[in-house]
Amino acid sequence: MTGNHDHIHLGNSHSHAPDLIDGYSRIFLVGICLNVAFVISEIIAGLIYNSIALLTDAGHNVSDVVLLLLSLLAFRFAKRKATKTFTYGYKKTTVLAAFINAVFLLLAVGVLGYESINRLKHPEAVNGNIIAWVAALGIVVNSISAYLFFKDRKRDLNIKSAYLHLLGDALVSFGVVVTGIIIIYTKWYWLDSVIGLAIMFIILVSTWSLLRDSFKMAVDAVPSGIDIGNIRKTILKIKEVTDIHHIHVWPLSTTENALTAHVLLNEKLNFEEKIKIVQKIKHQLEHLNIHHSTIEMDGIEKSINC
């Protein structure tokens, strides 16, 4: 290498993300319909039978509906083509949706916690039988909804957040069923408020991880599951590569990641051979969940973009 050199700059944009987005949109629509119907049922039952546990859980499920709606809208935006202003398109809206969902859920925790504490100080009679039956319906609805997101929960942050929330809801509903049965036989009406606080705690725990991960993605931190050291080691296994440096990885969306890096190849290779090695590097990166990569090579007299 000399101090005065040109670069070869190769980029790629191969991705199956549009197909994934279409599939995700259908899943979110089904999940939204199921949860809206359940929320309406919980609110009606909670108001009629004076249950803070049902109303608290309904509030949580409303937040889940909002989460699903925001994620759906973000996936729809992510399909839009790039423009002169938004050169990567609107892919990052999926990250923004996850962050907004986390903030919204934290605000909901505060409201629900306040109501539960007030009711705990002044317990009121509730119908344990109705609580148990409505919560049992919640187990069915949330289990079905969570199952829809199970397969792709590790591929996308919005999918993961939806899966965790819905699975948590199913477990919470199970707890409410148990509470309703206990109230039937013991008349411990204060237990209704305790369950409301337990639901609040579960929301807080699950929301914190979502807030942390979405914030990291919003500020272009290395995405979860991506190991810079592993990328370096994998590329250096290609015998024609002598060094790789200036590696930068960031999320384009909750489903796609990008990378830029400088590589140094064996000087004995000709230009065409080096091009083939770069394509080989890109192929390896795709297996490491890098969907868009730009590789620069030092010491080449020509420049090409593709």
C-alpha atoms as a PDB file:
ATOM      1  CA  MET A   1       0.000   0.000   0.000  1.00  0.00           C
ATOM      2  CA  THR A   2       1.129   3.509  -0.725  1.00  0.00           C
ATOM      3  CA  GLY A   3      -0.018   6.706   0.831  1.00  0.00           C
ATOM      4  CA  ASN A   4      -1.442   7.869  -2.507  1.00  0.00           C
ATOM      5  CA  HIS A   5      -3.991   5.328  -3.700  1.00  0.00           C
ATOM      6  CA  ASP A   6      -7.467   4.873  -5.046  1.00  0.00           C
ATOM      7  CA  HIS A   7     -10.244   2.698  -3.658  1.00  0.00           C
ATOM      8  CA  ILE A   8     -12.592   0.161  -5.086  1.00  0.00           C
ATOM      9  CA  HIS A   9     -15.990   0.667  -3.507  1.00  0.00           C
ATOM     10  CA  LEU A  10     -18.531  -2.119  -3.746  1.00  0.00           C
ATOM     11  CA  GLY A  11     -21.994  -2.045  -2.195  1.00  0.00           C
ATOM     12  CA  ASN A  12     -24.919  -4.400  -2.192  1.00  0.00           C
ATOM     13  CA  SER A  13     -28.603  -4.198  -1.384  1.00  0.00           C
ATOM     14  CA  HIS A  14     -29.758  -7.778  -1.577  1.00  0.00           C
ATOM     15  CA  SER A  15     -32.579  -8.524   0.833  1.00  0.00           C
ATOM     16  CA  HIS A  16     -35.718 -10.583   1.244  1.00  0.00           C
ATOM     17  CA  ALA A  17     -37.152  -7.934   3.578  1.00  0.00           C
ATOM     18  CA  PRO A  18     -40.137  -6.962   1.345  1.00  0.00           C
ATOM     19  CA  ASP A  19     -41.394 -10.559   1.431  1.00  0.00           C
ATOM     20  CA  LEU A  20     -40.956 -10.650   5.208  1.00  0.00           C
ATOM     21  CA  ILE A  21     -42.777  -7.339   5.599  1.00  0.00           C
ATOM     22  CA  ASP A  22     -45.812  -8.613   3.649  1.00  0.00           C
ATOM     23  CA  GLY A  23     -45.951 -11.704   5.857  1.00  0.00           C
ATOM     24  CA  TYR A  24     -45.577  -9.647   9.023  1.00  0.00           C
ATOM     25  CA  SER A  25     -48.379  -7.294   7.963  1.00  0.00           C
ATOM     26  CA  ARG A  26     -50.841 -10.195   7.712  1.00  0.00           C
ATOM     27  CA  ILE A  27     -49.812 -11.511  11.133  1.00  0.00           C
ATOM     28  CA  PHE A  28     -50.211  -8.103  12.732  1.00  0.00           C
ATOM     29  CA  LEU A  29     -53.675  -7.632  11.216  1.00  0.00           C
ATOM     30  CA  VAL A  30     -54.898 -10.928  12.691  1.00  0.00           C
ATOM     31  CA  GLY A  31     -53.343 -10.084  16.067  1.00  0.00           C
ATOM     32  CA  ILE A  32     -54.945  -6.627  16.072  1.00  0.00           C
ATOM     33  CA  CYS A  33     -58.442  -7.985  15.347  1.00  0.00           C
ATOM     34  CA  LEU A  34     -58.209 -10.638  18.070  1.00  0.00           C
ATOM     35  CA  ASN A  35     -56.951  -8.210  20.688  1.00  0.00           C
ATOM     36  CA  VAL A  36     -59.441  -5.429  19.876  1.00  0.00           C
ATOM     37  CA  ALA A  37     -62.318  -7.871  20.376  1.00  0.00           C
ATOM     38  CA  PHE A  38     -60.847  -9.032  23.693  1.00  0.00           C
ATOM     39  CA  VAL A  39     -60.174  -5.481  24.953  1.00  0.00           C
ATOM     40  CA  ILE A  40     -63.813  -4.530  24.332  1.00  0.00           C
ATOM     41  CA  SER A  41     -64.933  -7.609  26.270  1.00  0.00           C
ATOM     42  CA  GLU A  42     -62.626  -6.796  29.218  1.00  0.00           C
ATOM     43  CA  ILE A  43     -63.672  -3.139  29.429  1.00  0.00           C
ATOM     44  CA  ILE A  44     -67.379  -4.007  29.391  1.00  0.00           C
ATOM     45  CA  ALA A  45     -66.970  -6.750  32.013  1.00  0.00           C
ATOM     46  CA  GLY A  46     -64.650  -4.612  34.159  1.00  0.00           C
ATOM     47  CA  LEU A  47     -67.078  -1.686  34.240  1.00  0.00           C
ATOM     48  CA  ILE A  48     -70.165  -3.798  34.839  1.00  0.00           C
ATOM     49  CA  TYR A  49     -68.608  -5.994  37.532  1.00  0.00           C
ATOM     50  CA  ASN A  50     -66.330  -3.350  39.105  1.00  0.00           C
ATOM     51  CA  SER A  51     -63.014  -5.199  38.600  1.00  0.00           C
ATOM     52  CA  ILE A  52     -59.769  -3.201  38.666  1.00  0.00           C
ATOM     53  CA  ALA A  53     -57.867  -6.333  37.573  1.00  0.00           C
ATOM     54  CA  LEU A  54     -59.930  -6.588  34.376  1.00  0.00           C
ATOM     55  CA  LEU A  55     -59.739  -2.844  33.692  1.00  0.00           C
ATOM     56  CA  THR A  56     -55.973  -2.833  34.347  1.00  0.00           C
ATOM     57  CA  ASP A  57     -55.464  -5.790  32.067  1.00  0.00           C
ATOM     58  CA  ALA A  58     -57.696  -4.116  29.452  1.00  0.00           C
ATOM     59  CA  GLY A  59     -55.468  -1.034  29.644  1.00  0.00           C
ATOM     60  CA  HIS A  60     -52.444  -3.248  29.089  1.00  0.00           C
ATOM     61  CA  ASN A  61     -54.114  -4.918  26.141  1.00  0.00           C
ATOM     62  CA  VAL A  62     -55.034  -1.522  24.672  1.00  0.00           C
ATOM     63  CA  SER A  63     -51.341  -0.692  24.734  1.00  0.00           C
ATOM     64  CA  ASP A  64     -50.671  -3.977  22.954  1.00  0.00           C
ATOM     65  CA  VAL A  65     -53.167  -3.032  20.241  1.00  0.00           C
ATOM     66  CA  VAL A  66     -51.403   0.315  19.847  1.00  0.00           C
ATOM     67  CA  LEU A  67     -48.081  -1.527  19.693  1.00  0.00           C
ATOM     68  CA  LEU A  68     -49.386  -3.818  16.957  1.00  0.00           C
ATOM     69  CA  LEU A  69     -50.873  -0.890  14.999  1.00  0.00           C
ATOM     70  CA  LEU A  70     -47.668   1.151  15.169  1.00  0.00           C
ATOM     71  CA  SER A  71     -45.594  -1.839  14.115  1.00  0.00           C
ATOM     72  CA  LEU A  72     -47.954  -2.549  11.215  1.00  0.00           C
ATOM     73  CA  LEU A  73     -47.749   1.067  10.027  1.00  0.00           C
ATOM     74  CA  ALA A  74     -43.964   1.008  10.348  1.00  0.00           C
ATOM     75  CA  PHE A  75     -43.699  -2.155   8.239  1.00  0.00           C
ATOM     76  CA  ARG A  76     -45.926  -0.534   5.601  1.00  0.00           C
ATOM     77  CA  PHE A  77     -43.707   2.578   5.597  1.00  0.00           C
ATOM     78  CA  ALA A  78     -40.605   0.382   5.349  1.00  0.00           C
ATOM     79  CA  LYS A  79     -41.832  -0.874   1.956  1.00  0.00           C
ATOM     80  CA  ARG A  80     -41.723   2.610   0.450  1.00  0.00           C
ATOM     81  CA  LYS A  81     -38.941   3.292  -2.026  1.00  0.00           C
ATOM     82  CA  ALA A  82     -35.933   5.443  -1.268  1.00  0.00           C
ATOM     83  CA  THR A  83     -35.998   9.103  -2.254  1.00  0.00           C
ATOM     84  CA  LYS A  84     -33.384  11.816  -2.741  1.00  0.00           C
ATOM     85  CA  THR A  85     -33.989  12.898   0.836  1.00  0.00           C
ATOM     86  CA  PHE A  86     -34.497   9.471   2.421  1.00  0.00           C
ATOM     87  CA  THR A  87     -31.815   7.510   0.592  1.00  0.00           C
ATOM     88  CA  TYR A  88     -32.440   4.372   2.666  1.00  0.00           C
ATOM     89  CA  GLY A  89     -36.189   4.742   2.347  1.00  0.00           C
ATOM     90  CA  TYR A  90     -38.313   4.641   5.502  1.00  0.00           C
ATOM     91  CA  LYS A  91     -36.879   1.454   6.969  1.00  0.00           C
ATOM     92  CA  LYS A  92     -35.958   3.090  10.272  1.00  0.00           C
ATOM     93  CA  THR A  93     -39.631   3.751  11.049  1.00  0.00           C
ATOM     94  CA  THR A  94     -39.764   0.179  12.396  1.00  0.00           C
ATOM     95  CA  VAL A  95     -37.170   1.171  15.023  1.00  0.00           C
ATOM     96  CA  LEU A  96     -39.068   4.370  15.800  1.00  0.00           C
ATOM     97  CA  ALA A  97     -42.273   2.362  16.274  1.00  0.00           C
ATOM     98  CA  ALA A  98     -40.589   0.027  18.765  1.00  0.00           C
ATOM     99  CA  PHE A  99     -39.232   3.008  20.740  1.00  0.00           C
ATOM    100  CA  ILE A 100     -42.617   4.797  20.808  1.00  0.00           C
ATOM    101  CA  ASN A 101     -44.273   1.571  21.956  1.00  0.00           C
ATOM    102  CA  ALA A 102     -41.834   1.289  24.854  1.00  0.00           C
ATOM    103  CA  VAL A 103     -42.432   4.898  25.972  1.00  0.00           C
ATOM    104  CA  PHE A 104     -46.211   4.470  25.654  1.00  0.00           C
ATOM    105  CA  LEU A 105     -46.142   1.324  27.782  1.00  0.00           C
ATOM    106  CA  LEU A 106     -44.118   3.062  30.512  1.00  0.00           C
ATOM    107  CA  LEU A 107     -46.718   5.834  30.683  1.00  0.00           C
ATOM    108  CA  ALA A 108     -49.470   3.202  30.885  1.00  0.00           C
ATOM    109  CA  VAL A 109     -47.636   1.548  33.800  1.00  0.00           C
ATOM    110  CA  GLY A 110     -47.827   4.782  35.780  1.00  0.00           C
ATOM    111  CA  VAL A 111     -51.578   5.214  35.261  1.00  0.00           C
ATOM    112  CA  LEU A 112     -52.414   1.571  35.978  1.00  0.00           C
ATOM    113  CA  GLY A 113     -50.177   1.513  39.053  1.00  0.00           C
ATOM    114  CA  TYR A 114     -51.881   4.603  40.482  1.00  0.00           C
ATOM    115  CA  GLU A 115     -55.350   3.074  40.054  1.00  0.00           C
ATOM    116  CA  SER A 116     -54.297  -0.244  41.574  1.00  0.00           C
ATOM    117  CA  ILE A 117     -52.776   1.391  44.677  1.00  0.00           C
ATOM    118  CA  ASN A 118     -55.908   3.508  45.218  1.00  0.00           C
ATOM    119  CA  ARG A 119     -58.123   0.423  44.989  1.00  0.00           C
ATOM    120  CA  LEU A 120     -55.815  -1.490  47.348  1.00  0.00           C
ATOM    121  CA  LYS A 121     -56.375   1.215  49.989  1.00  0.00           C
ATOM    122  CA  HIS A 122     -60.129   1.027  49.488  1.00  0.00           C
ATOM    123  CA  PRO A 123     -61.075  -2.511  48.318  1.00  0.00           C
ATOM    124  CA  GLU A 124     -64.446  -2.956  46.629  1.00  0.00           C
ATOM    125  CA  ALA A 125     -66.490  -6.106  46.066  1.00  0.00           C
ATOM    126  CA  VAL A 126     -65.912  -7.791  42.723  1.00  0.00           C
ATOM    127  CA  ASN A 127     -67.421 -10.812  40.968  1.00  0.00           C
ATOM    128  CA  GLY A 128     -64.720 -13.487  41.025  1.00  0.00           C
ATOM    129  CA  ASN A 129     -66.682 -15.745  38.693  1.00  0.00           C
ATOM    130  CA  ILE A 130     -66.831 -13.129  35.908  1.00  0.00           C
ATOM    131  CA  ILE A 131     -63.160 -12.226  36.415  1.00  0.00           C
ATOM    132  CA  ALA A 132     -62.185 -15.880  35.975  1.00  0.00           C
ATOM    133  CA  TRP A 133     -64.270 -16.404  32.818  1.00  0.00           C
ATOM    134  CA  VAL A 134     -63.104 -13.227  31.072  1.00  0.00           C
ATOM    135  CA  ALA A 135     -59.471 -13.928  31.974  1.00  0.00           C
ATOM    136  CA  ALA A 136     -59.850 -17.485  30.633  1.00  0.00           C
ATOM    137  CA  LEU A 137     -60.899 -15.958  27.312  1.00  0.00           C
ATOM    138  CA  GLY A 138     -57.748 -13.841  27.535  1.00  0.00           C
ATOM    139  CA  ILE A 139     -55.590 -16.948  27.836  1.00  0.00           C
ATOM    140  CA  VAL A 140     -57.038 -18.267  24.575  1.00  0.00           C
ATOM    141  CA  VAL A 141     -56.800 -14.962  22.662  1.00  0.00           C
ATOM    142  CA  ASN A 142     -53.286 -14.095  23.820  1.00  0.00           C
ATOM    143  CA  SER A 143     -51.940 -17.624  23.335  1.00  0.00           C
ATOM    144  CA  ILE A 144     -53.203 -17.708  19.749  1.00  0.00           C
ATOM    145  CA  SER A 145     -51.824 -14.211  19.105  1.00  0.00           C
ATOM    146  CA  ALA A 146     -48.419 -15.060  20.623  1.00  0.00           C
ATOM    147  CA  TYR A 147     -48.217 -18.225  18.529  1.00  0.00           C
ATOM    148  CA  LEU A 148     -48.598 -16.147  15.359  1.00  0.00           C
ATOM    149  CA  PHE A 149     -45.357 -14.307  16.208  1.00  0.00           C
ATOM    150  CA  PHE A 150     -43.446 -17.276  17.673  1.00  0.00           C
ATOM    151  CA  LYS A 151     -41.615 -18.362  14.506  1.00  0.00           C
ATOM    152  CA  ASP A 152     -40.152 -14.946  13.632  1.00  0.00           C
ATOM    153  CA  ARG A 153     -39.559 -13.616  17.154  1.00  0.00           C
ATOM    154  CA  LYS A 154     -35.754 -13.733  16.709  1.00  0.00           C
ATOM    155  CA  ARG A 155     -35.731 -11.996  13.330  1.00  0.00           C
ATOM    156  CA  ASP A 156     -37.215  -8.611  14.214  1.00  0.00           C
ATOM    157  CA  LEU A 157     -37.449  -6.395  17.308  1.00  0.00           C
ATOM    158  CA  ASN A 158     -41.107  -5.484  16.702  1.00  0.00           C
ATOM    159  CA  ILE A 159     -42.000  -9.157  16.243  1.00  0.00           C
ATOM    160  CA  LYS A 160     -40.087 -10.008  19.417  1.00  0.00           C
ATOM    161  CA  SER A 161     -41.803  -7.264  21.432  1.00  0.00           C
ATOM    162  CA  ALA A 162     -45.240  -8.357  20.186  1.00  0.00           C
ATOM    163  CA  TYR A 163     -44.513 -11.999  21.031  1.00  0.00           C
ATOM    164  CA  LEU A 164     -43.217 -11.207  24.538  1.00  0.00           C
ATOM    165  CA  HIS A 165     -46.134  -8.911  25.356  1.00  0.00           C
ATOM    166  CA  LEU A 166     -48.748 -11.360  24.133  1.00  0.00           C
ATOM    167  CA  LEU A 167     -47.131 -14.323  25.865  1.00  0.00           C
ATOM    168  CA  GLY A 168     -46.900 -12.257  29.042  1.00  0.00           C
ATOM    169  CA  ASP A 169     -50.574 -11.364  28.667  1.00  0.00           C
ATOM    170  CA  ALA A 170     -51.490 -15.045  28.457  1.00  0.00           C
ATOM    171  CA  LEU A 171     -49.576 -15.723  31.691  1.00  0.00           C
ATOM    172  CA  VAL A 172     -51.154 -12.708  33.380  1.00  0.00           C
ATOM    173  CA  SER A 173     -54.605 -13.893  32.309  1.00  0.00           C
ATOM    174  CA  PHE A 174     -53.844 -17.256  33.884  1.00  0.00           C
ATOM    175  CA  GLY A 175     -52.995 -15.443  37.120  1.00  0.00           C
ATOM    176  CA  VAL A 176     -56.250 -13.490  36.957  1.00  0.00           C
ATOM    177  CA  VAL A 177     -58.195 -16.745  36.508  1.00  0.00           C
ATOM    178  CA  VAL A 178     -56.604 -18.098  39.685  1.00  0.00           C
ATOM    179  CA  THR A 179     -57.390 -14.812  41.458  1.00  0.00           C
ATOM    180  CA  GLY A 180     -61.039 -14.954  40.392  1.00  0.00           C
ATOM    181  CA  ILE A 181     -61.379 -18.489  41.729  1.00  0.00           C
ATOM    182  CA  ILE A 182     -59.765 -17.522  45.058  1.00  0.00           C
ATOM    183  CA  ILE A 183     -62.086 -14.509  45.411  1.00  0.00           C
ATOM    184  CA  ILE A 184     -65.132 -16.740  44.835  1.00  0.00           C
ATOM    185  CA  TYR A 185     -64.256 -18.876  47.867  1.00  0.00           C
ATOM    186  CA  THR A 186     -62.486 -16.379  50.176  1.00  0.00           C
ATOM    187  CA  LYS A 187     -64.023 -12.966  49.367  1.00  0.00           C
ATOM    188  CA  TRP A 188     -60.500 -11.473  49.484  1.00  0.00           C
ATOM    189  CA  TYR A 189     -61.436  -8.499  47.298  1.00  0.00           C
ATOM    190  CA  TRP A 190     -58.090  -6.794  47.938  1.00  0.00           C
ATOM    191  CA  LEU A 191     -56.511  -9.545  45.828  1.00  0.00           C
ATOM    192  CA  ASP A 192     -58.026  -7.891  42.738  1.00  0.00           C
ATOM    193  CA  SER A 193     -55.796  -4.821  43.291  1.00  0.00           C
ATOM    194  CA  VAL A 194     -52.737  -6.954  44.060  1.00  0.00           C
ATOM    195  CA  ILE A 195     -53.097  -8.659  40.696  1.00  0.00           C
ATOM    196  CA  GLY A 196     -53.378  -5.220  39.078  1.00  0.00           C
ATOM    197  CA  LEU A 197     -50.001  -4.295  40.627  1.00  0.00           C
ATOM    198  CA  ALA A 198     -48.488  -7.617  39.525  1.00  0.00           C
ATOM    199  CA  ILE A 199     -49.608  -6.922  35.955  1.00  0.00           C
ATOM    200  CA  MET A 200     -47.990  -3.478  36.207  1.00  0.00           C
ATOM    201  CA  PHE A 201     -44.685  -5.045  37.310  1.00  0.00           C
ATOM    202  CA  ILE A 202     -44.718  -7.534  34.430  1.00  0.00           C
ATOM    203  CA  ILE A 203     -45.339  -4.697  31.943  1.00  0.00           C
ATOM    204  CA  LEU A 204     -42.460  -2.700  33.460  1.00  0.00           C
ATOM    205  CA  VAL A 205     -39.960  -5.561  33.199  1.00  0.00           C
ATOM    206  CA  SER A 206     -40.809  -6.445  29.592  1.00  0.00           C
ATOM    207  CA  THR A 207     -40.974  -2.801  28.527  1.00  0.00           C
ATOM    208  CA  TRP A 208     -37.549  -1.915  29.913  1.00  0.00           C
ATOM    209  CA  SER A 209     -35.757  -4.380  27.606  1.00  0.00           C
ATOM    210  CA  LEU A 210     -37.791  -3.121  24.645  1.00  0.00           C
ATOM    211  CA  LEU A 211     -36.905   0.502  25.482  1.00  0.00           C
ATOM    212  CA  ARG A 212     -33.209  -0.369  25.813  1.00  0.00           C
ATOM    213  CA  ASP A 213     -33.002  -2.327  22.551  1.00  0.00           C
ATOM    214  CA  SER A 214     -35.015   0.185  20.519  1.00  0.00           C
ATOM    215  CA  PHE A 215     -32.921   3.097  21.820  1.00  0.00           C
ATOM    216  CA  LYS A 216     -29.708   1.314  20.850  1.00  0.00           C
ATOM    217  CA  MET A 217     -31.054   0.775  17.346  1.00  0.00           C
ATOM    218  CA  ALA A 218     -32.230   4.390  17.102  1.00  0.00           C
ATOM    219  CA  VAL A 219     -28.693   5.677  17.771  1.00  0.00           C
ATOM    220  CA  ASP A 220     -27.133   3.171  15.335  1.00  0.00           C
ATOM    221  CA  ALA A 221     -25.478   0.904  17.896  1.00  0.00           C
ATOM    222  CA  VAL A 222     -24.354  -2.518  16.701  1.00  0.00           C
ATOM    223  CA  PRO A 223     -27.561  -4.610  16.471  1.00  0.00           C
ATOM    224  CA  SER A 224     -28.166  -7.381  18.990  1.00  0.00           C
ATOM    225  CA  GLY A 225     -26.852 -10.702  17.721  1.00  0.00           C
ATOM    226  CA  ILE A 226     -24.126  -9.070  15.621  1.00  0.00           C
ATOM    227  CA  ASP A 227     -20.557  -9.683  16.826  1.00  0.00           C
ATOM    228  CA  ILE A 228     -17.879  -7.471  15.233  1.00  0.00           C
ATOM    229  CA  GLY A 229     -15.182  -9.915  16.356  1.00  0.00           C
ATOM    230  CA  ASN A 230     -17.003 -12.788  14.674  1.00  0.00           C
ATOM    231  CA  ILE A 231     -17.369 -10.778  11.457  1.00  0.00           C
ATOM    232  CA  ARG A 232     -13.642 -10.054  11.430  1.00  0.00           C
ATOM    233  CA  LYS A 233     -12.746 -13.688  12.140  1.00  0.00           C
ATOM    234  CA  THR A 234     -15.102 -14.988   9.443  1.00  0.00           C
ATOM    235  CA  ILE A 235     -13.760 -12.666   6.739  1.00  0.00           C
ATOM    236  CA  LEU A 236     -10.117 -13.367   7.645  1.00  0.00           C
ATOM    237  CA  LYS A 237     -10.773 -17.071   7.063  1.00  0.00           C
ATOM    238  CA  ILE A 238     -10.889 -16.228   3.345  1.00  0.00           C
ATOM    239  CA  LYS A 239      -7.248 -16.897   2.483  1.00  0.00           C
ATOM    240  CA  GLU A 240      -6.941 -14.038  -0.010  1.00  0.00           C
ATOM    241  CA  VAL A 241      -7.880 -11.505   2.689  1.00  0.00           C
ATOM    242  CA  THR A 242      -4.847 -10.236   4.616  1.00  0.00           C
ATOM    243  CA  ASP A 243      -6.603  -7.683   6.815  1.00  0.00           C
ATOM    244  CA  ILE A 244      -9.965  -6.058   7.531  1.00  0.00           C
ATOM    245  CA  HIS A 245     -10.454  -2.835   9.492  1.00  0.00           C
ATOM    246  CA  HIS A 246     -12.751   0.188   9.949  1.00  0.00           C
ATOM    247  CA  ILE A 247     -15.712  -2.156  10.441  1.00  0.00           C
ATOM    248  CA  HIS A 248     -18.987  -0.323  11.121  1.00  0.00           C
ATOM    249  CA  VAL A 249     -22.348  -2.068  11.543  1.00  0.00           C
ATOM    250  CA  TRP A 250     -25.709  -0.417  12.184  1.00  0.00           C
ATOM    251  CA  PRO A 251     -29.430  -1.240  11.804  1.00  0.00           C
ATOM    252  CA  LEU A 252     -31.307   0.089   8.790  1.00  0.00           C
ATOM    253  CA  SER A 253     -34.523  -1.204  10.349  1.00  0.00           C
ATOM    254  CA  THR A 254     -35.598  -3.863  12.822  1.00  0.00           C
ATOM    255  CA  THR A 255     -35.117  -6.457  10.058  1.00  0.00           C
ATOM    256  CA  GLU A 256     -32.098  -5.214   8.080  1.00  0.00           C
ATOM    257  CA  ASN A 257     -28.501  -4.389   8.990  1.00  0.00           C
ATOM    258  CA  ALA A 258     -25.781  -2.541   7.093  1.00  0.00           C
ATOM    259  CA  LEU A 259     -21.972  -2.670   7.166  1.00  0.00           C
ATOM    260  CA  THR A 260     -19.024  -0.736   5.828  1.00  0.00           C
ATOM    261  CA  ALA A 261     -15.453  -2.009   6.048  1.00  0.00           C
ATOM    262  CA  HIS A 262     -11.976  -1.700   4.523  1.00  0.00           C
ATOM    263  CA  VAL A 263     -10.234  -4.899   3.427  1.00  0.00           C
ATOM    264  CA  LEU A 264      -6.724  -5.577   2.221  1.00  0.00           C
ATOM    265  CA  LEU A 265      -6.299  -8.413  -0.273  1.00  0.00           C
ATOM    266  CA  ASN A 266      -3.306 -10.341  -1.528  1.00  0.00           C
ATOM    267  CA  GLU A 267      -1.430  -7.984  -3.858  1.00  0.00           C
ATOM    268  CA  LYS A 268      -0.764 -10.791  -6.344  1.00  0.00           C
ATOM    269  CA  LEU A 269      -4.456 -10.970  -7.279  1.00  0.00           C
ATOM    270  CA  ASN A 270      -5.550  -9.164 -10.428  1.00  0.00           C
ATOM    271  CA  PHE A 271      -8.502  -6.782 -10.533  1.00  0.00           C
ATOM    272  CA  GLU A 272     -11.089  -9.361 -11.650  1.00  0.00           C
ATOM    273  CA  GLU A 273      -9.964 -11.837  -8.968  1.00  0.00           C
ATOM    274  CA  LYS A 274     -10.313  -9.178  -6.293  1.00  0.00           C
ATOM    275  CA  ILE A 275     -13.848  -8.425  -7.463  1.00  0.00           C
ATOM    276  CA  LYS A 276     -14.727 -12.112  -7.013  1.00  0.00           C
ATOM    277  CA  ILE A 277     -13.276 -12.103  -3.498  1.00  0.00           C
ATOM    278  CA  VAL A 278     -15.366  -9.058  -2.577  1.00  0.00           C
ATOM    279  CA  GLN A 279     -18.501 -10.856  -3.764  1.00  0.00           C
ATOM    280  CA  LYS A 280     -17.460 -13.854  -1.653  1.00  0.00           C
ATOM    281  CA  ILE A 281     -17.093 -11.554   1.369  1.00  0.00           C
ATOM    282  CA  LYS A 282     -20.571 -10.166   0.770  1.00  0.00           C
ATOM    283  CA  HIS A 283     -21.987 -13.671   0.608  1.00  0.00           C
ATOM    284  CA  GLN A 284     -20.387 -14.533   3.954  1.00  0.00           C
ATOM    285  CA  LEU A 285     -21.785 -11.349   5.473  1.00  0.00           C
ATOM    286  CA  GLU A 286     -25.326 -12.270   4.412  1.00  0.00           C
ATOM    287  CA  HIS A 287     -24.983 -15.430   6.520  1.00  0.00           C
ATOM    288  CA  LEU A 288     -24.075 -13.167   9.453  1.00  0.00           C
ATOM    289  CA  ASN A 289     -27.328 -11.191   9.085  1.00  0.00           C
ATOM    290  CA  ILE A 290     -25.731  -8.286   7.192  1.00  0.00           C
ATOM    291  CA  HIS A 291     -28.132  -7.389   4.376  1.00  0.00           C
ATOM    292  CA  HIS A 292     -26.380  -4.336   2.907  1.00  0.00           C
ATOM    293  CA  SER A 293     -22.588  -4.145   2.792  1.00  0.00           C
ATOM    294  CA  THR A 294     -20.111  -1.670   1.328  1.00  0.00           C
ATOM    295  CA  ILE A 295     -16.538  -2.919   0.988  1.00  0.00           C
ATOM    296  CA  GLU A 296     -13.578  -0.667   0.254  1.00  0.00           C
ATOM    297  CA  MET A 297     -10.234  -2.065  -0.860  1.00  0.00           C
ATOM    298  CA  ASP A 298      -7.030  -0.109  -0.750  1.00  0.00           C
ATOM    299  CA  GLY A 299      -4.309  -0.127  -3.376  1.00  0.00           C
ATOM    300  CA  ILE A 300      -6.409  -0.552  -6.513  1.00  0.00           C
ATOM    301  CA  GLU A 301      -5.915   1.776  -9.420  1.00  0.00           C
ATOM    302  CA  LYS A 302      -9.510   1.576 -10.602  1.00  0.00           C
ATOM    303  CA  SER A 303     -12.831   2.502  -9.014  1.00  0.00           C
ATOM    304  CA  ILE A 304     -16.185   0.823  -9.521  1.00  0.00           C
ATOM    305  CA  ASN A 305     -19.590   1.163  -7.905  1.00  0.00           C
ATOM    306  CA  CYS A 306     -22.324  -1.467  -7.997  1.00  0.00           C
END
